Amino acid sequence: THRPPELPASMPGWEQAAAKLTHGLLYICLLVMPLVGFLASNFTKYGVNYFGIKIGPFFAENQAMRDGLQEVHELLSYVLIVLIVVHVVAALKHLLVDRDQVFQRMLPGGSRG
């Protein structure tokens, strides 16, 4: 719900585009990955056990559908790991190389502008 602060004007256009793409893909993975895992679990006879609360199954057992969704879930986990590594490396670059205060904006109480 909070818009991120504008990126520094000193950042090259390709870095700004890469930052926006990476952030967008991170959010997509964080939303889609659990949903796909939830759906995959609901194509088994077990459904989901969420902190002791049984949810589902909502669909008939279907091993092929479960396996396909599980493959997507696993692929998204690898994409998420790569995006996290890219994000951390970029943050460290801003802290140690560019020294442009972008890293400090990520910290609690950091500058918003």
N, C-alpha and C. Protein backbone atom coordinates (compact mmCIF):
# COMPACT_ATOMS: atom_id res chain seq x y z
N THR A 1 0.81 -1.20 0.00
CA THR A 1 0.00 0.00 0.00
C THR A 1 0.85 1.26 0.00
N HIS A 2 2.14 1.13 0.28
CA HIS A 2 3.02 2.29 0.32
C HIS A 2 3.87 2.31 -0.94
N ARG A 3 3.82 3.41 -1.64
CA ARG A 3 4.65 3.55 -2.84
C ARG A 3 6.10 3.70 -2.41
N PRO A 4 6.99 3.04 -3.13
CA PRO A 4 8.42 3.20 -2.80
C PRO A 4 8.88 4.58 -3.21
N PRO A 5 9.94 5.07 -2.56
CA PRO A 5 10.46 6.37 -2.98
C PRO A 5 11.05 6.28 -4.38
N GLU A 6 11.11 7.41 -5.04
CA GLU A 6 11.69 7.46 -6.37
C GLU A 6 13.16 7.04 -6.29
N LEU A 7 13.63 6.38 -7.33
CA LEU A 7 15.04 6.01 -7.40
C LEU A 7 15.85 7.27 -7.72
N PRO A 8 17.10 7.30 -7.26
CA PRO A 8 17.92 8.48 -7.53
C PRO A 8 18.06 8.74 -9.03
N ALA A 9 18.04 9.98 -9.40
CA ALA A 9 18.20 10.36 -10.81
C ALA A 9 19.58 9.95 -11.33
N SER A 10 20.53 9.78 -10.42
CA SER A 10 21.89 9.39 -10.82
C SER A 10 21.98 7.93 -11.27
N MET A 11 20.93 7.14 -10.98
CA MET A 11 20.94 5.73 -11.39
C MET A 11 20.70 5.64 -12.88
N PRO A 12 21.53 4.86 -13.59
CA PRO A 12 21.30 4.68 -15.03
C PRO A 12 19.91 4.08 -15.28
N GLY A 13 19.37 4.36 -16.45
CA GLY A 13 18.04 3.88 -16.82
C GLY A 13 17.92 2.36 -16.75
N TRP A 14 18.96 1.64 -17.18
CA TRP A 14 18.90 0.18 -17.15
C TRP A 14 18.82 -0.34 -15.72
N GLU A 15 19.48 0.35 -14.77
CA GLU A 15 19.41 -0.07 -13.37
C GLU A 15 18.02 0.18 -12.80
N GLN A 16 17.42 1.31 -13.16
CA GLN A 16 16.07 1.60 -12.69
C GLN A 16 15.08 0.58 -13.24
N ALA A 17 15.23 0.25 -14.53
CA ALA A 17 14.34 -0.75 -15.14
C ALA A 17 14.55 -2.12 -14.49
N ALA A 18 15.81 -2.49 -14.24
CA ALA A 18 16.10 -3.78 -13.61
C ALA A 18 15.53 -3.83 -12.19
N ALA A 19 15.64 -2.72 -11.46
CA ALA A 19 15.09 -2.67 -10.10
C ALA A 19 13.58 -2.86 -10.12
N LYS A 20 12.90 -2.15 -11.02
CA LYS A 20 11.44 -2.26 -11.10
C LYS A 20 11.01 -3.67 -11.52
N LEU A 21 11.72 -4.25 -12.48
CA LEU A 21 11.41 -5.60 -12.92
C LEU A 21 11.63 -6.61 -11.79
N THR A 22 12.76 -6.50 -11.12
CA THR A 22 13.08 -7.42 -10.02
C THR A 22 12.06 -7.32 -8.90
N HIS A 23 11.71 -6.10 -8.52
CA HIS A 23 10.72 -5.93 -7.46
C HIS A 23 9.36 -6.50 -7.87
N GLY A 24 8.96 -6.24 -9.11
CA GLY A 24 7.69 -6.78 -9.60
C GLY A 24 7.67 -8.30 -9.58
N LEU A 25 8.77 -8.91 -10.06
CA LEU A 25 8.85 -10.37 -10.07
C LEU A 25 8.88 -10.95 -8.65
N LEU A 26 9.54 -10.25 -7.72
CA LEU A 26 9.52 -10.71 -6.32
C LEU A 26 8.10 -10.75 -5.79
N TYR A 27 7.34 -9.69 -6.03
CA TYR A 27 5.95 -9.66 -5.55
C TYR A 27 5.11 -10.74 -6.22
N ILE A 28 5.30 -10.94 -7.50
CA ILE A 28 4.55 -11.99 -8.20
C ILE A 28 4.86 -13.35 -7.60
N CYS A 29 6.14 -13.65 -7.39
CA CYS A 29 6.52 -14.94 -6.80
C CYS A 29 5.94 -15.09 -5.40
N LEU A 30 5.98 -14.03 -4.60
CA LEU A 30 5.46 -14.10 -3.23
C LEU A 30 3.96 -14.32 -3.19
N LEU A 31 3.26 -13.94 -4.23
CA LEU A 31 1.81 -14.16 -4.30
C LEU A 31 1.46 -15.49 -4.97
N VAL A 32 2.09 -15.76 -6.11
CA VAL A 32 1.71 -16.92 -6.92
C VAL A 32 2.23 -18.23 -6.32
N MET A 33 3.44 -18.23 -5.79
CA MET A 33 4.03 -19.47 -5.30
C MET A 33 3.18 -20.15 -4.22
N PRO A 34 2.74 -19.44 -3.16
CA PRO A 34 1.89 -20.11 -2.17
C PRO A 34 0.54 -20.56 -2.73
N LEU A 35 -0.01 -19.76 -3.65
CA LEU A 35 -1.29 -20.15 -4.25
C LEU A 35 -1.17 -21.44 -5.04
N VAL A 36 -0.10 -21.57 -5.82
CA VAL A 36 0.12 -22.79 -6.61
C VAL A 36 0.34 -23.98 -5.68
N GLY A 37 1.11 -23.78 -4.62
CA GLY A 37 1.33 -24.86 -3.64
C GLY A 37 0.02 -25.28 -2.98
N PHE A 38 -0.81 -24.31 -2.63
CA PHE A 38 -2.11 -24.59 -2.03
C PHE A 38 -2.99 -25.39 -2.99
N LEU A 39 -3.01 -24.96 -4.26
CA LEU A 39 -3.80 -25.69 -5.26
C LEU A 39 -3.27 -27.11 -5.44
N ALA A 40 -1.95 -27.26 -5.51
CA ALA A 40 -1.36 -28.59 -5.68
C ALA A 40 -1.78 -29.51 -4.54
N SER A 41 -1.76 -29.00 -3.33
CA SER A 41 -2.13 -29.81 -2.16
C SER A 41 -3.60 -30.19 -2.19
N ASN A 42 -4.42 -29.39 -2.84
CA ASN A 42 -5.85 -29.69 -2.89
C ASN A 42 -6.21 -30.68 -3.99
N PHE A 43 -5.24 -31.11 -4.77
CA PHE A 43 -5.46 -32.20 -5.71
C PHE A 43 -4.96 -33.53 -5.15
N THR A 44 -4.75 -33.57 -3.82
CA THR A 44 -4.44 -34.82 -3.12
C THR A 44 -5.63 -35.16 -2.23
N LYS A 45 -5.59 -36.32 -1.61
CA LYS A 45 -6.68 -36.67 -0.70
C LYS A 45 -6.52 -36.01 0.67
N TYR A 46 -5.41 -35.29 0.87
CA TYR A 46 -5.11 -34.73 2.19
C TYR A 46 -5.49 -33.26 2.35
N GLY A 47 -5.46 -32.49 1.29
CA GLY A 47 -5.70 -31.06 1.42
C GLY A 47 -4.53 -30.39 2.10
N VAL A 48 -4.81 -29.36 2.88
CA VAL A 48 -3.78 -28.58 3.56
C VAL A 48 -4.04 -28.61 5.06
N ASN A 49 -2.97 -28.76 5.84
CA ASN A 49 -3.05 -28.65 7.29
C ASN A 49 -2.33 -27.37 7.66
N TYR A 50 -3.09 -26.33 8.00
CA TYR A 50 -2.54 -25.00 8.28
C TYR A 50 -2.61 -24.74 9.77
N PHE A 51 -1.48 -24.91 10.45
CA PHE A 51 -1.39 -24.73 11.90
C PHE A 51 -2.47 -25.53 12.62
N GLY A 52 -2.64 -26.78 12.21
CA GLY A 52 -3.61 -27.67 12.84
C GLY A 52 -5.02 -27.56 12.31
N ILE A 53 -5.27 -26.65 11.40
CA ILE A 53 -6.60 -26.49 10.82
C ILE A 53 -6.59 -27.15 9.44
N LYS A 54 -7.47 -28.13 9.27
CA LYS A 54 -7.54 -28.85 8.00
C LYS A 54 -8.37 -28.05 7.00
N ILE A 55 -7.75 -27.80 5.83
CA ILE A 55 -8.42 -27.06 4.75
C ILE A 55 -8.45 -27.96 3.52
N GLY A 56 -9.64 -28.23 3.02
CA GLY A 56 -9.77 -29.05 1.82
C GLY A 56 -9.66 -30.52 2.12
N PRO A 57 -9.50 -31.30 1.12
CA PRO A 57 -9.25 -30.97 -0.28
C PRO A 57 -10.53 -30.47 -0.96
N PHE A 58 -10.34 -29.57 -1.90
CA PHE A 58 -11.46 -28.98 -2.62
C PHE A 58 -11.71 -29.65 -3.97
N PHE A 59 -10.75 -30.46 -4.42
CA PHE A 59 -10.85 -31.11 -5.73
C PHE A 59 -10.67 -32.61 -5.57
N ALA A 60 -11.14 -33.34 -6.57
CA ALA A 60 -10.91 -34.79 -6.58
C ALA A 60 -9.41 -35.04 -6.73
N GLU A 61 -8.97 -36.13 -6.13
CA GLU A 61 -7.55 -36.47 -6.22
C GLU A 61 -7.15 -36.63 -7.69
N ASN A 62 -6.08 -35.94 -8.08
CA ASN A 62 -5.62 -35.97 -9.46
C ASN A 62 -4.11 -35.82 -9.44
N GLN A 63 -3.42 -36.95 -9.54
CA GLN A 63 -1.97 -36.97 -9.43
C GLN A 63 -1.29 -36.15 -10.52
N ALA A 64 -1.80 -36.22 -11.75
CA ALA A 64 -1.18 -35.47 -12.85
C ALA A 64 -1.29 -33.96 -12.61
N MET A 65 -2.45 -33.49 -12.16
CA MET A 65 -2.63 -32.06 -11.88
C MET A 65 -1.75 -31.64 -10.71
N ARG A 66 -1.70 -32.47 -9.68
CA ARG A 66 -0.87 -32.17 -8.52
C ARG A 66 0.59 -32.09 -8.92
N ASP A 67 1.06 -33.05 -9.73
CA ASP A 67 2.46 -33.06 -10.15
C ASP A 67 2.80 -31.84 -11.00
N GLY A 68 1.90 -31.45 -11.90
CA GLY A 68 2.14 -30.28 -12.72
C GLY A 68 2.22 -29.01 -11.90
N LEU A 69 1.29 -28.85 -10.96
CA LEU A 69 1.31 -27.67 -10.10
C LEU A 69 2.53 -27.68 -9.19
N GLN A 70 2.92 -28.87 -8.74
CA GLN A 70 4.11 -28.98 -7.89
C GLN A 70 5.37 -28.57 -8.65
N GLU A 71 5.43 -28.91 -9.95
CA GLU A 71 6.56 -28.50 -10.79
C GLU A 71 6.62 -26.97 -10.89
N VAL A 72 5.46 -26.34 -11.10
CA VAL A 72 5.41 -24.88 -11.17
C VAL A 72 5.84 -24.28 -9.83
N HIS A 73 5.36 -24.85 -8.74
CA HIS A 73 5.71 -24.40 -7.40
C HIS A 73 7.23 -24.48 -7.18
N GLU A 74 7.82 -25.59 -7.59
CA GLU A 74 9.26 -25.77 -7.43
C GLU A 74 10.04 -24.80 -8.31
N LEU A 75 9.61 -24.63 -9.55
CA LEU A 75 10.27 -23.68 -10.44
C LEU A 75 10.23 -22.27 -9.86
N LEU A 76 9.07 -21.87 -9.34
CA LEU A 76 8.95 -20.55 -8.73
C LEU A 76 9.87 -20.40 -7.53
N SER A 77 10.11 -21.49 -6.81
CA SER A 77 11.03 -21.40 -5.66
C SER A 77 12.44 -21.07 -6.13
N TYR A 78 12.86 -21.64 -7.25
CA TYR A 78 14.19 -21.33 -7.78
C TYR A 78 14.26 -19.89 -8.30
N VAL A 79 13.20 -19.46 -8.96
CA VAL A 79 13.15 -18.08 -9.44
C VAL A 79 13.21 -17.12 -8.25
N LEU A 80 12.48 -17.43 -7.18
CA LEU A 80 12.48 -16.59 -5.99
C LEU A 80 13.88 -16.51 -5.37
N ILE A 81 14.56 -17.64 -5.29
CA ILE A 81 15.92 -17.65 -4.73
C ILE A 81 16.84 -16.76 -5.56
N VAL A 82 16.78 -16.88 -6.87
CA VAL A 82 17.63 -16.05 -7.76
C VAL A 82 17.29 -14.57 -7.55
N LEU A 83 16.01 -14.24 -7.48
CA LEU A 83 15.62 -12.84 -7.29
C LEU A 83 16.10 -12.30 -5.95
N ILE A 84 16.04 -13.12 -4.91
CA ILE A 84 16.54 -12.68 -3.60
C ILE A 84 18.04 -12.42 -3.66
N VAL A 85 18.79 -13.32 -4.30
CA VAL A 85 20.23 -13.12 -4.43
C VAL A 85 20.53 -11.85 -5.21
N VAL A 86 19.83 -11.64 -6.32
CA VAL A 86 20.03 -10.42 -7.12
C VAL A 86 19.72 -9.19 -6.27
N HIS A 87 18.65 -9.24 -5.50
CA HIS A 87 18.25 -8.11 -4.66
C HIS A 87 19.32 -7.80 -3.61
N VAL A 88 19.84 -8.83 -2.96
CA VAL A 88 20.87 -8.63 -1.93
C VAL A 88 22.15 -8.08 -2.55
N VAL A 89 22.55 -8.65 -3.69
CA VAL A 89 23.77 -8.16 -4.36
C VAL A 89 23.60 -6.70 -4.77
N ALA A 90 22.44 -6.36 -5.32
CA ALA A 90 22.19 -4.97 -5.73
C ALA A 90 22.20 -4.04 -4.52
N ALA A 91 21.60 -4.47 -3.42
CA ALA A 91 21.60 -3.65 -2.20
C ALA A 91 23.02 -3.42 -1.70
N LEU A 92 23.83 -4.47 -1.70
CA LEU A 92 25.23 -4.32 -1.27
C LEU A 92 26.01 -3.42 -2.22
N LYS A 93 25.71 -3.49 -3.51
CA LYS A 93 26.36 -2.60 -4.48
C LYS A 93 26.05 -1.15 -4.15
N HIS A 94 24.79 -0.87 -3.82
CA HIS A 94 24.41 0.50 -3.46
C HIS A 94 25.10 0.94 -2.18
N LEU A 95 25.29 0.03 -1.24
CA LEU A 95 25.93 0.37 0.03
C LEU A 95 27.44 0.55 -0.12
N LEU A 96 28.10 -0.38 -0.80
CA LEU A 96 29.56 -0.42 -0.81
C LEU A 96 30.21 0.25 -2.01
N VAL A 97 29.54 0.28 -3.16
CA VAL A 97 30.13 0.83 -4.38
C VAL A 97 29.56 2.20 -4.69
N ASP A 98 28.24 2.27 -4.87
CA ASP A 98 27.61 3.53 -5.29
C ASP A 98 27.53 4.55 -4.15
N ARG A 99 27.32 4.05 -2.94
CA ARG A 99 27.17 4.93 -1.75
C ARG A 99 26.15 6.04 -2.01
N ASP A 100 24.99 5.63 -2.55
CA ASP A 100 23.98 6.61 -2.96
C ASP A 100 22.76 6.66 -2.04
N GLN A 101 22.86 6.09 -0.87
CA GLN A 101 21.80 6.11 0.16
C GLN A 101 20.59 5.23 -0.18
N VAL A 102 20.65 4.47 -1.28
CA VAL A 102 19.53 3.58 -1.61
C VAL A 102 19.42 2.49 -0.55
N PHE A 103 20.54 1.94 -0.11
CA PHE A 103 20.52 0.89 0.92
C PHE A 103 19.91 1.43 2.21
N GLN A 104 20.30 2.61 2.61
CA GLN A 104 19.81 3.18 3.87
C GLN A 104 18.30 3.40 3.84
N ARG A 105 17.74 3.64 2.66
CA ARG A 105 16.29 3.83 2.55
C ARG A 105 15.53 2.55 2.87
N MET A 106 16.20 1.40 2.73
CA MET A 106 15.54 0.12 3.01
C MET A 106 15.44 -0.17 4.49
N LEU A 107 16.25 0.48 5.30
CA LEU A 107 16.30 0.21 6.72
C LEU A 107 15.11 0.87 7.42
N PRO A 108 14.68 0.30 8.56
CA PRO A 108 13.59 0.94 9.32
C PRO A 108 13.98 2.38 9.67
N GLY A 109 13.07 3.29 9.42
CA GLY A 109 13.33 4.70 9.70
C GLY A 109 14.18 5.38 8.66
N GLY A 110 14.48 4.65 7.54
CA GLY A 110 15.31 5.22 6.49
C GLY A 110 14.61 6.36 5.78
N SER A 111 15.40 7.17 5.12
CA SER A 111 14.89 8.33 4.39
C SER A 111 13.96 7.86 3.27
N ARG A 112 12.88 8.56 3.04
CA ARG A 112 11.92 8.21 1.98
C ARG A 112 12.16 9.01 0.71
N GLY A 113 13.18 9.79 0.65
CA GLY A 113 13.31 10.60 -0.54
C GLY A 113 14.71 10.93 -0.90
